[in-house]
Amino acid sequence: MLPGTPDIRTRLEARGLWPSFRRRRGQAMTEVVLLFPIFMIIAFLTIKIFQLLVLVQKMEIASYYAGRRWQLESHINIAYAADDRHLKQEIEKVVRDYLGFGTDAQSVKLDIERTQVWNVVTITVQTKPPGLALFCKYPKQTICATPYGQACNDGYDYICGGGKKLEVVKYVPNRDRPIQFVLPGLQ
């Protein structure tokens, strides 16, 4: 290096390109104390929303299973034609196990309504309340004021109330094979 010329560090510091490690006392502690709880609340809410989305998808899959199994097995044997004990309870047990009964779902109920053409298979799940008492400090009328609508009221009822009732309905034909259509008079 030539005498009288600044070294590379001095030149970069003059341009503001050399990293500066000057400590400002208390800055990191303030950020941790103030921002970490806010981050945790946002993360917790995101996890709760994701849990509901997963539960809804699992309900759709379970309702397809329940409808298809009822369609295929309820009329194979005449003993199962009006079965409300064995086949229905077995399907409900599999649905409960699949949905994780006892974790997110407080109660799972399977209803089957028979008609002449369709069987209506309904799965109803009552979820547990999320337990976020921090958000229930203020009344619903204050939080869900004029610019917010029914979605705010539903969200407040879910967070501060007793959970949410979710329902999936599937229409299943009585027969697993469609009846062949024959025009009258053409034999």
N, C-alpha and C. Protein backbone atom coordinates (compact mmCIF):
# COMPACT_ATOMS: atom_id res chain seq x y z
N MET A 1 0.84 -1.17 0.00
CA MET A 1 0.00 0.00 0.00
C MET A 1 0.89 1.24 0.00
N LEU A 2 0.52 2.22 -0.76
CA LEU A 2 1.29 3.45 -0.89
C LEU A 2 1.05 4.34 0.32
N PRO A 3 2.12 5.02 0.75
CA PRO A 3 1.93 5.93 1.88
C PRO A 3 1.02 7.09 1.49
N GLY A 4 0.14 7.46 2.39
CA GLY A 4 -0.76 8.58 2.14
C GLY A 4 -2.08 8.20 1.50
N THR A 5 -2.22 6.97 1.03
CA THR A 5 -3.50 6.54 0.47
C THR A 5 -4.26 5.75 1.53
N PRO A 6 -5.54 6.01 1.64
CA PRO A 6 -6.32 5.30 2.66
C PRO A 6 -6.50 3.82 2.27
N ASP A 7 -6.60 2.99 3.27
CA ASP A 7 -6.81 1.56 2.99
C ASP A 7 -8.27 1.33 2.57
N ILE A 8 -8.55 0.11 2.22
CA ILE A 8 -9.88 -0.23 1.68
C ILE A 8 -10.98 -0.01 2.71
N ARG A 9 -10.67 -0.30 3.97
CA ARG A 9 -11.69 -0.14 5.01
C ARG A 9 -12.07 1.33 5.18
N THR A 10 -11.09 2.19 5.18
CA THR A 10 -11.35 3.62 5.34
C THR A 10 -12.18 4.14 4.17
N ARG A 11 -11.87 3.70 2.95
CA ARG A 11 -12.63 4.16 1.78
C ARG A 11 -14.08 3.66 1.83
N LEU A 12 -14.28 2.40 2.22
CA LEU A 12 -15.65 1.87 2.29
C LEU A 12 -16.44 2.52 3.42
N GLU A 13 -15.77 2.81 4.55
CA GLU A 13 -16.47 3.48 5.65
C GLU A 13 -16.90 4.88 5.24
N ALA A 14 -16.08 5.56 4.44
CA ALA A 14 -16.42 6.91 3.99
C ALA A 14 -17.65 6.89 3.09
N ARG A 15 -17.82 5.84 2.32
CA ARG A 15 -18.99 5.74 1.44
C ARG A 15 -20.20 5.12 2.15
N GLY A 16 -20.02 4.63 3.35
CA GLY A 16 -21.12 4.00 4.08
C GLY A 16 -21.36 2.56 3.70
N LEU A 17 -20.34 1.92 3.08
CA LEU A 17 -20.50 0.54 2.63
C LEU A 17 -19.89 -0.48 3.59
N TRP A 18 -19.08 -0.03 4.52
CA TRP A 18 -18.47 -0.96 5.48
C TRP A 18 -19.46 -1.18 6.62
N PRO A 19 -19.68 -2.45 7.01
CA PRO A 19 -20.66 -2.69 8.08
C PRO A 19 -20.21 -2.07 9.39
N SER A 20 -21.16 -1.44 10.02
CA SER A 20 -20.89 -0.77 11.29
C SER A 20 -21.50 -1.60 12.41
N PHE A 21 -20.72 -1.85 13.43
CA PHE A 21 -21.19 -2.67 14.54
C PHE A 21 -21.31 -1.86 15.82
N ARG A 22 -21.72 -0.66 15.68
CA ARG A 22 -21.92 0.16 16.87
C ARG A 22 -23.16 -0.33 17.60
N ARG A 23 -23.08 -0.41 18.88
CA ARG A 23 -24.20 -0.92 19.67
C ARG A 23 -25.05 0.22 20.16
N ARG A 24 -26.33 0.06 19.94
CA ARG A 24 -27.29 0.98 20.56
C ARG A 24 -27.92 0.22 21.70
N ARG A 25 -27.72 0.66 22.88
CA ARG A 25 -28.14 -0.08 24.06
C ARG A 25 -29.67 -0.12 24.16
N GLY A 26 -30.18 -1.35 24.45
CA GLY A 26 -31.60 -1.51 24.72
C GLY A 26 -32.48 -1.74 23.52
N GLN A 27 -31.94 -1.62 22.33
CA GLN A 27 -32.80 -1.75 21.15
C GLN A 27 -33.31 -3.18 20.99
N ALA A 28 -32.44 -4.16 21.08
CA ALA A 28 -32.86 -5.55 20.89
C ALA A 28 -33.85 -5.97 21.97
N MET A 29 -33.62 -5.55 23.18
CA MET A 29 -34.52 -5.92 24.26
C MET A 29 -35.91 -5.33 24.04
N THR A 30 -35.98 -4.10 23.59
CA THR A 30 -37.26 -3.46 23.33
C THR A 30 -38.01 -4.20 22.21
N GLU A 31 -37.29 -4.56 21.16
CA GLU A 31 -37.95 -5.27 20.07
C GLU A 31 -38.46 -6.63 20.51
N VAL A 32 -37.67 -7.33 21.31
CA VAL A 32 -38.11 -8.64 21.78
C VAL A 32 -39.32 -8.52 22.68
N VAL A 33 -39.28 -7.57 23.59
CA VAL A 33 -40.37 -7.43 24.56
C VAL A 33 -41.66 -6.98 23.88
N LEU A 34 -41.57 -6.10 22.91
CA LEU A 34 -42.78 -5.56 22.29
C LEU A 34 -43.27 -6.37 21.09
N LEU A 35 -42.37 -6.83 20.26
CA LEU A 35 -42.79 -7.47 19.01
C LEU A 35 -43.01 -8.97 19.14
N PHE A 36 -42.30 -9.64 20.02
CA PHE A 36 -42.45 -11.09 20.13
C PHE A 36 -43.85 -11.51 20.56
N PRO A 37 -44.48 -10.87 21.54
CA PRO A 37 -45.87 -11.27 21.87
C PRO A 37 -46.84 -11.02 20.72
N ILE A 38 -46.65 -9.95 19.98
CA ILE A 38 -47.53 -9.69 18.83
C ILE A 38 -47.34 -10.77 17.77
N PHE A 39 -46.08 -11.15 17.54
CA PHE A 39 -45.80 -12.24 16.60
C PHE A 39 -46.45 -13.54 17.05
N MET A 40 -46.38 -13.83 18.34
CA MET A 40 -46.97 -15.07 18.86
C MET A 40 -48.49 -15.08 18.72
N ILE A 41 -49.13 -13.94 18.93
CA ILE A 41 -50.59 -13.85 18.77
C ILE A 41 -50.97 -14.08 17.32
N ILE A 42 -50.24 -13.46 16.40
CA ILE A 42 -50.53 -13.64 14.97
C ILE A 42 -50.28 -15.09 14.56
N ALA A 43 -49.20 -15.68 15.04
CA ALA A 43 -48.92 -17.08 14.72
C ALA A 43 -50.00 -18.00 15.28
N PHE A 44 -50.46 -17.73 16.49
CA PHE A 44 -51.50 -18.56 17.11
C PHE A 44 -52.81 -18.47 16.33
N LEU A 45 -53.19 -17.26 15.91
CA LEU A 45 -54.41 -17.11 15.11
C LEU A 45 -54.28 -17.82 13.76
N THR A 46 -53.12 -17.72 13.13
CA THR A 46 -52.90 -18.39 11.86
C THR A 46 -53.02 -19.90 12.02
N ILE A 47 -52.49 -20.43 13.09
CA ILE A 47 -52.58 -21.87 13.34
C ILE A 47 -54.03 -22.29 13.55
N LYS A 48 -54.80 -21.49 14.28
CA LYS A 48 -56.22 -21.83 14.52
C LYS A 48 -57.01 -21.82 13.21
N ILE A 49 -56.76 -20.83 12.35
CA ILE A 49 -57.45 -20.76 11.06
C ILE A 49 -57.07 -21.97 10.20
N PHE A 50 -55.78 -22.32 10.20
CA PHE A 50 -55.33 -23.47 9.42
C PHE A 50 -55.96 -24.76 9.94
N GLN A 51 -56.12 -24.88 11.26
CA GLN A 51 -56.77 -26.06 11.83
C GLN A 51 -58.22 -26.18 11.35
N LEU A 52 -58.93 -25.05 11.28
CA LEU A 52 -60.30 -25.09 10.78
C LEU A 52 -60.35 -25.51 9.31
N LEU A 53 -59.41 -24.99 8.50
CA LEU A 53 -59.38 -25.36 7.08
C LEU A 53 -59.11 -26.85 6.91
N VAL A 54 -58.19 -27.38 7.69
CA VAL A 54 -57.89 -28.82 7.61
C VAL A 54 -59.10 -29.63 8.05
N LEU A 55 -59.79 -29.18 9.10
CA LEU A 55 -60.97 -29.89 9.58
C LEU A 55 -62.07 -29.92 8.51
N VAL A 56 -62.28 -28.81 7.81
CA VAL A 56 -63.30 -28.77 6.76
C VAL A 56 -62.93 -29.73 5.62
N GLN A 57 -61.66 -29.77 5.23
CA GLN A 57 -61.25 -30.69 4.17
C GLN A 57 -61.42 -32.15 4.61
N LYS A 58 -61.07 -32.44 5.85
CA LYS A 58 -61.25 -33.80 6.36
C LYS A 58 -62.72 -34.17 6.44
N MET A 59 -63.59 -33.20 6.74
CA MET A 59 -65.03 -33.47 6.76
C MET A 59 -65.53 -33.82 5.37
N GLU A 60 -65.04 -33.13 4.35
CA GLU A 60 -65.45 -33.43 2.98
C GLU A 60 -65.05 -34.86 2.59
N ILE A 61 -63.83 -35.24 2.93
CA ILE A 61 -63.37 -36.59 2.61
C ILE A 61 -64.17 -37.63 3.39
N ALA A 62 -64.41 -37.37 4.66
CA ALA A 62 -65.18 -38.32 5.49
C ALA A 62 -66.61 -38.44 5.01
N SER A 63 -67.21 -37.33 4.55
CA SER A 63 -68.59 -37.41 4.06
C SER A 63 -68.66 -38.20 2.75
N TYR A 64 -67.63 -38.08 1.91
CA TYR A 64 -67.60 -38.90 0.70
C TYR A 64 -67.51 -40.38 1.06
N TYR A 65 -66.64 -40.70 2.03
CA TYR A 65 -66.51 -42.09 2.47
C TYR A 65 -67.83 -42.60 3.03
N ALA A 66 -68.45 -41.82 3.90
CA ALA A 66 -69.70 -42.26 4.54
C ALA A 66 -70.80 -42.45 3.50
N GLY A 67 -70.92 -41.52 2.56
CA GLY A 67 -71.95 -41.64 1.53
C GLY A 67 -71.73 -42.83 0.62
N ARG A 68 -70.49 -43.02 0.21
CA ARG A 68 -70.19 -44.12 -0.70
C ARG A 68 -70.37 -45.48 -0.01
N ARG A 69 -69.92 -45.56 1.22
CA ARG A 69 -70.07 -46.83 1.94
C ARG A 69 -71.54 -47.13 2.21
N TRP A 70 -72.31 -46.11 2.56
CA TRP A 70 -73.74 -46.33 2.78
C TRP A 70 -74.41 -46.75 1.49
N GLN A 71 -74.03 -46.12 0.39
CA GLN A 71 -74.63 -46.45 -0.90
C GLN A 71 -74.32 -47.89 -1.30
N LEU A 72 -73.10 -48.33 -1.08
CA LEU A 72 -72.70 -49.66 -1.54
C LEU A 72 -73.16 -50.78 -0.61
N GLU A 73 -73.30 -50.52 0.69
CA GLU A 73 -73.57 -51.61 1.62
C GLU A 73 -74.98 -51.61 2.20
N SER A 74 -75.71 -50.52 2.10
CA SER A 74 -77.00 -50.47 2.79
C SER A 74 -78.07 -51.31 2.12
N HIS A 75 -77.93 -51.62 0.85
CA HIS A 75 -78.98 -52.40 0.19
C HIS A 75 -78.48 -53.73 -0.35
N ILE A 76 -77.25 -54.11 -0.05
CA ILE A 76 -76.75 -55.40 -0.52
C ILE A 76 -77.51 -56.54 0.15
N ASN A 77 -77.70 -56.41 1.45
CA ASN A 77 -78.43 -57.42 2.21
C ASN A 77 -79.71 -56.77 2.72
N ILE A 78 -80.80 -57.50 2.70
CA ILE A 78 -82.08 -56.94 3.15
C ILE A 78 -82.02 -56.57 4.63
N ALA A 79 -81.12 -57.21 5.37
CA ALA A 79 -81.01 -56.89 6.80
C ALA A 79 -80.48 -55.47 7.01
N TYR A 80 -79.71 -54.93 6.04
CA TYR A 80 -79.17 -53.59 6.17
C TYR A 80 -80.05 -52.51 5.54
N ALA A 81 -81.17 -52.88 4.99
CA ALA A 81 -82.00 -51.92 4.26
C ALA A 81 -82.45 -50.75 5.13
N ALA A 82 -82.83 -51.03 6.34
CA ALA A 82 -83.26 -49.96 7.24
C ALA A 82 -82.38 -49.95 8.49
N ASP A 83 -81.10 -50.19 8.31
CA ASP A 83 -80.18 -50.33 9.44
C ASP A 83 -79.83 -48.98 10.04
N ASP A 84 -80.13 -48.83 11.30
CA ASP A 84 -79.72 -47.62 12.02
C ASP A 84 -78.76 -47.97 13.14
N ARG A 85 -78.45 -49.23 13.31
CA ARG A 85 -77.60 -49.59 14.44
C ARG A 85 -76.21 -50.03 13.99
N HIS A 86 -76.12 -51.08 13.21
CA HIS A 86 -74.82 -51.68 12.95
C HIS A 86 -74.02 -50.92 11.89
N LEU A 87 -74.54 -50.82 10.69
CA LEU A 87 -73.79 -50.19 9.60
C LEU A 87 -73.57 -48.71 9.86
N LYS A 88 -74.61 -48.02 10.30
CA LYS A 88 -74.48 -46.59 10.56
C LYS A 88 -73.48 -46.32 11.69
N GLN A 89 -73.53 -47.12 12.75
CA GLN A 89 -72.59 -46.93 13.86
C GLN A 89 -71.16 -47.25 13.44
N GLU A 90 -71.00 -48.23 12.59
CA GLU A 90 -69.66 -48.57 12.11
C GLU A 90 -69.09 -47.45 11.24
N ILE A 91 -69.93 -46.90 10.35
CA ILE A 91 -69.49 -45.77 9.52
C ILE A 91 -69.16 -44.57 10.40
N GLU A 92 -70.01 -44.29 11.39
CA GLU A 92 -69.78 -43.15 12.27
C GLU A 92 -68.48 -43.32 13.07
N LYS A 93 -68.16 -44.54 13.48
CA LYS A 93 -66.92 -44.78 14.21
C LYS A 93 -65.71 -44.49 13.33
N VAL A 94 -65.74 -44.92 12.07
CA VAL A 94 -64.63 -44.66 11.15
C VAL A 94 -64.50 -43.16 10.89
N VAL A 95 -65.63 -42.47 10.73
CA VAL A 95 -65.61 -41.02 10.50
C VAL A 95 -65.03 -40.30 11.72
N ARG A 96 -65.44 -40.71 12.92
CA ARG A 96 -64.90 -40.10 14.15
C ARG A 96 -63.39 -40.29 14.24
N ASP A 97 -62.94 -41.50 13.96
CA ASP A 97 -61.50 -41.76 14.02
C ASP A 97 -60.74 -40.93 12.99
N TYR A 98 -61.29 -40.81 11.78
CA TYR A 98 -60.61 -40.05 10.74
C TYR A 98 -60.55 -38.56 11.07
N LEU A 99 -61.63 -38.03 11.63
CA LEU A 99 -61.66 -36.60 11.95
C LEU A 99 -60.84 -36.27 13.19
N GLY A 100 -60.38 -37.26 13.92
CA GLY A 100 -59.60 -36.99 15.12
C GLY A 100 -60.48 -36.58 16.27
N PHE A 101 -61.53 -37.34 16.49
CA PHE A 101 -62.46 -37.02 17.57
C PHE A 101 -61.70 -36.91 18.89
N GLY A 102 -61.94 -35.82 19.59
CA GLY A 102 -61.25 -35.58 20.84
C GLY A 102 -60.12 -34.59 20.70
N THR A 103 -59.75 -34.20 19.48
CA THR A 103 -58.70 -33.20 19.32
C THR A 103 -59.34 -31.86 18.97
N ASP A 104 -59.72 -31.67 17.71
CA ASP A 104 -60.36 -30.41 17.30
C ASP A 104 -61.88 -30.50 17.36
N ALA A 105 -62.40 -31.68 17.13
CA ALA A 105 -63.84 -31.84 17.08
C ALA A 105 -64.36 -32.21 18.47
N GLN A 106 -65.29 -31.45 18.96
CA GLN A 106 -65.88 -31.75 20.26
C GLN A 106 -66.89 -32.88 20.13
N SER A 107 -67.70 -32.83 19.10
CA SER A 107 -68.66 -33.90 18.88
C SER A 107 -68.86 -34.09 17.38
N VAL A 108 -69.03 -35.34 16.98
CA VAL A 108 -69.25 -35.70 15.57
C VAL A 108 -70.56 -36.47 15.51
N LYS A 109 -71.43 -36.09 14.56
CA LYS A 109 -72.72 -36.75 14.43
C LYS A 109 -72.96 -37.08 12.97
N LEU A 110 -73.39 -38.30 12.71
CA LEU A 110 -73.70 -38.75 11.36
C LEU A 110 -75.20 -38.97 11.27
N ASP A 111 -75.85 -38.30 10.34
CA ASP A 111 -77.29 -38.48 10.10
C ASP A 111 -77.49 -38.99 8.68
N ILE A 112 -78.41 -39.92 8.53
CA ILE A 112 -78.77 -40.42 7.21
C ILE A 112 -80.28 -40.34 7.08
N GLU A 113 -80.73 -39.58 6.09
CA GLU A 113 -82.17 -39.44 5.83
C GLU A 113 -82.48 -40.17 4.53
N ARG A 114 -83.40 -41.09 4.61
CA ARG A 114 -83.74 -41.89 3.44
C ARG A 114 -84.92 -41.28 2.71
N THR A 115 -84.80 -41.21 1.40
CA THR A 115 -85.93 -40.84 0.55
C THR A 115 -86.03 -41.94 -0.52
N GLN A 116 -86.94 -41.76 -1.47
CA GLN A 116 -87.12 -42.81 -2.47
C GLN A 116 -85.97 -42.86 -3.47
N VAL A 117 -85.39 -41.72 -3.79
CA VAL A 117 -84.33 -41.69 -4.79
C VAL A 117 -82.97 -41.44 -4.16
N TRP A 118 -82.91 -40.53 -3.19
CA TRP A 118 -81.63 -40.11 -2.61
C TRP A 118 -81.57 -40.46 -1.14
N ASN A 119 -80.38 -40.76 -0.67
CA ASN A 119 -80.08 -40.81 0.76
C ASN A 119 -79.27 -39.56 1.07
N VAL A 120 -79.69 -38.81 2.06
CA VAL A 120 -78.99 -37.58 2.43
C VAL A 120 -78.09 -37.91 3.62
N VAL A 121 -76.78 -37.87 3.40
CA VAL A 121 -75.80 -38.17 4.44
C VAL A 121 -75.25 -36.84 4.94
N THR A 122 -75.42 -36.58 6.24
CA THR A 122 -75.00 -35.32 6.85
C THR A 122 -74.02 -35.61 7.98
N ILE A 123 -72.87 -34.95 7.93
CA ILE A 123 -71.91 -35.03 9.03
C ILE A 123 -71.88 -33.66 9.70
N THR A 124 -72.14 -33.64 11.00
CA THR A 124 -72.15 -32.41 11.78
C THR A 124 -71.05 -32.48 12.83
N VAL A 125 -70.22 -31.44 12.87
CA VAL A 125 -69.11 -31.38 13.83
C VAL A 125 -69.25 -30.11 14.64
N GLN A 126 -69.18 -30.24 15.95
CA GLN A 126 -69.16 -29.08 16.85
C GLN A 126 -67.73 -28.94 17.35
N THR A 127 -67.07 -27.83 17.01
CA THR A 127 -65.68 -27.65 17.40
C THR A 127 -65.58 -27.07 18.80
N LYS A 128 -64.41 -27.23 19.37
CA LYS A 128 -64.14 -26.65 20.68
C LYS A 128 -63.88 -25.16 20.51
N PRO A 129 -64.14 -24.34 21.53
CA PRO A 129 -63.78 -22.93 21.43
C PRO A 129 -62.26 -22.80 21.41
N PRO A 130 -61.74 -21.81 20.67
CA PRO A 130 -60.28 -21.69 20.55
C PRO A 130 -59.58 -21.23 21.82
N GLY A 131 -60.30 -20.65 22.76
CA GLY A 131 -59.69 -20.25 24.02
C GLY A 131 -58.81 -19.02 23.91
N LEU A 132 -59.25 -18.02 23.19
CA LEU A 132 -58.50 -16.77 23.05
C LEU A 132 -59.19 -15.68 23.86
N ALA A 133 -59.13 -15.78 25.17
CA ALA A 133 -59.83 -14.83 26.04
C ALA A 133 -59.27 -13.42 25.92
N LEU A 134 -58.05 -13.29 25.42
CA LEU A 134 -57.44 -11.97 25.24
C LEU A 134 -58.27 -11.10 24.29
N PHE A 135 -58.91 -11.71 23.28
CA PHE A 135 -59.68 -10.96 22.30
C PHE A 135 -61.11 -10.70 22.75
N CYS A 136 -61.51 -11.25 23.87
CA CYS A 136 -62.89 -11.10 24.34
C CYS A 136 -63.02 -10.03 25.41
N LYS A 137 -62.05 -9.16 25.50
CA LYS A 137 -62.06 -8.12 26.53
C LYS A 137 -63.15 -7.09 26.28
N TYR A 138 -63.39 -6.77 25.01
CA TYR A 138 -64.36 -5.75 24.65
C TYR A 138 -65.63 -6.41 24.12
N PRO A 139 -66.79 -5.76 24.27
CA PRO A 139 -68.04 -6.37 23.79
C PRO A 139 -68.12 -6.42 22.27
N LYS A 140 -68.97 -7.32 21.79
CA LYS A 140 -69.11 -7.53 20.34
C LYS A 140 -69.60 -6.27 19.63
N GLN A 141 -70.48 -5.50 20.25
CA GLN A 141 -71.02 -4.29 19.61
C GLN A 141 -69.92 -3.26 19.37
N THR A 142 -68.92 -3.22 20.23
CA THR A 142 -67.81 -2.27 20.06
C THR A 142 -66.88 -2.73 18.95
N ILE A 143 -66.57 -4.00 18.92
CA ILE A 143 -65.60 -4.51 17.94
C ILE A 143 -66.21 -4.60 16.55
N CYS A 144 -67.42 -5.12 16.44
CA CYS A 144 -68.07 -5.31 15.14
C CYS A 144 -69.01 -4.13 14.87
N ALA A 145 -68.45 -2.94 14.81
CA ALA A 145 -69.25 -1.74 14.57
C ALA A 145 -69.66 -1.66 13.10
N THR A 146 -70.16 -0.52 12.67
CA THR A 146 -70.80 -0.32 11.38
C THR A 146 -70.04 -0.82 10.15
N PRO A 147 -68.76 -0.55 9.94
CA PRO A 147 -68.18 -0.98 8.66
C PRO A 147 -68.05 -2.50 8.53
N TYR A 148 -68.12 -3.22 9.63
CA TYR A 148 -67.97 -4.68 9.57
C TYR A 148 -69.34 -5.33 9.55
N GLY A 149 -69.41 -6.51 9.00
CA GLY A 149 -70.71 -7.15 8.82
C GLY A 149 -70.85 -8.44 9.59
N GLN A 150 -71.56 -9.37 8.97
CA GLN A 150 -71.87 -10.64 9.60
C GLN A 150 -70.62 -11.48 9.83
N ALA A 151 -69.61 -11.33 8.97
CA ALA A 151 -68.38 -12.11 9.14
C ALA A 151 -67.70 -11.76 10.46
N CYS A 152 -67.71 -10.49 10.83
CA CYS A 152 -67.13 -10.07 12.11
C CYS A 152 -67.91 -10.68 13.27
N ASN A 153 -69.23 -10.67 13.18
CA ASN A 153 -70.05 -11.26 14.24
C ASN A 153 -69.80 -12.77 14.36
N ASP A 154 -69.69 -13.46 13.22
CA ASP A 154 -69.42 -14.89 13.25
C ASP A 154 -68.04 -15.19 13.85
N GLY A 155 -67.05 -14.39 13.46
CA GLY A 155 -65.71 -14.57 14.01
C GLY A 155 -65.65 -14.33 15.50
N TYR A 156 -66.35 -13.29 15.96
CA TYR A 156 -66.39 -13.00 17.39
C TYR A 156 -67.09 -14.12 18.15
N ASP A 157 -68.18 -14.63 17.58
CA ASP A 157 -68.90 -15.74 18.22
C ASP A 157 -68.03 -16.99 18.30
N TYR A 158 -67.22 -17.23 17.26
CA TYR A 158 -66.34 -18.40 17.29
C TYR A 158 -65.23 -18.24 18.32
N ILE A 159 -64.59 -17.07 18.34
CA ILE A 159 -63.45 -16.87 19.25
C ILE A 159 -63.92 -16.78 20.69
N CYS A 160 -64.98 -16.04 20.95
CA CYS A 160 -65.41 -15.81 22.33
C CYS A 160 -66.56 -16.70 22.75
N GLY A 161 -67.16 -17.39 21.83
CA GLY A 161 -68.31 -18.24 22.15
C GLY A 161 -67.88 -19.67 22.39
N GLY A 162 -68.77 -20.56 22.08
CA GLY A 162 -68.54 -21.97 22.36
C GLY A 162 -68.14 -22.79 21.16
N GLY A 163 -67.31 -22.30 20.31
CA GLY A 163 -66.90 -23.06 19.14
C GLY A 163 -67.82 -22.81 17.96
N LYS A 164 -67.74 -23.67 16.97
CA LYS A 164 -68.50 -23.49 15.74
C LYS A 164 -69.09 -24.82 15.30
N LYS A 165 -70.29 -24.76 14.75
CA LYS A 165 -70.95 -25.95 14.22
C LYS A 165 -70.72 -25.98 12.71
N LEU A 166 -70.06 -27.03 12.23
CA LEU A 166 -69.79 -27.21 10.81
C LEU A 166 -70.59 -28.40 10.32
N GLU A 167 -71.09 -28.29 9.08
CA GLU A 167 -71.96 -29.34 8.55
C GLU A 167 -71.64 -29.58 7.08
N VAL A 168 -71.55 -30.86 6.71
CA VAL A 168 -71.33 -31.25 5.32
C VAL A 168 -72.46 -32.19 4.93
N VAL A 169 -73.08 -31.92 3.76
CA VAL A 169 -74.21 -32.72 3.29
C VAL A 169 -73.84 -33.35 1.95
N LYS A 170 -74.08 -34.65 1.83
CA LYS A 170 -73.88 -35.36 0.57
C LYS A 170 -75.18 -36.06 0.19
N TYR A 171 -75.53 -35.98 -1.10
CA TYR A 171 -76.70 -36.67 -1.62
C TYR A 171 -76.22 -37.92 -2.35
N VAL A 172 -76.70 -39.07 -1.88
CA VAL A 172 -76.24 -40.35 -2.40
C VAL A 172 -77.43 -41.07 -2.99
N PRO A 173 -77.32 -41.59 -4.22
CA PRO A 173 -78.45 -42.34 -4.79
C PRO A 173 -78.65 -43.65 -4.05
N ASN A 174 -79.88 -44.15 -4.10
CA ASN A 174 -80.21 -45.39 -3.41
C ASN A 174 -79.48 -46.59 -4.00
N ARG A 175 -79.22 -46.56 -5.28
CA ARG A 175 -78.62 -47.71 -5.94
C ARG A 175 -77.20 -47.38 -6.36
N ASP A 176 -76.35 -48.42 -6.37
CA ASP A 176 -74.98 -48.19 -6.81
C ASP A 176 -74.87 -48.23 -8.33
N ARG A 177 -75.87 -48.81 -8.99
CA ARG A 177 -75.88 -48.82 -10.45
C ARG A 177 -77.16 -48.16 -10.93
N PRO A 178 -77.07 -47.28 -11.90
CA PRO A 178 -78.30 -46.64 -12.38
C PRO A 178 -79.19 -47.64 -13.12
N ILE A 179 -80.47 -47.41 -13.04
CA ILE A 179 -81.44 -48.25 -13.73
C ILE A 179 -81.37 -47.93 -15.22
N GLN A 180 -81.33 -48.97 -16.05
CA GLN A 180 -81.24 -48.77 -17.48
C GLN A 180 -82.54 -48.14 -17.99
N PHE A 181 -82.40 -47.11 -18.80
CA PHE A 181 -83.57 -46.43 -19.34
C PHE A 181 -84.03 -47.17 -20.60
N VAL A 182 -85.29 -47.56 -20.60
CA VAL A 182 -85.86 -48.28 -21.74
C VAL A 182 -87.07 -47.48 -22.21
N LEU A 183 -87.10 -47.17 -23.51
CA LEU A 183 -88.25 -46.49 -24.07
C LEU A 183 -89.43 -47.45 -24.11
N PRO A 184 -90.60 -46.99 -23.70
CA PRO A 184 -91.76 -47.88 -23.75
C PRO A 184 -92.09 -48.26 -25.20
N GLY A 185 -92.41 -49.51 -25.40
CA GLY A 185 -92.79 -49.99 -26.73
C GLY A 185 -91.63 -50.48 -27.56
N LEU A 186 -90.39 -50.25 -27.15
CA LEU A 186 -89.24 -50.75 -27.90
C LEU A 186 -88.64 -51.93 -27.15
N GLN A 187 -88.99 -53.12 -27.56
CA GLN A 187 -88.46 -54.32 -26.88
C GLN A 187 -87.69 -55.16 -27.83
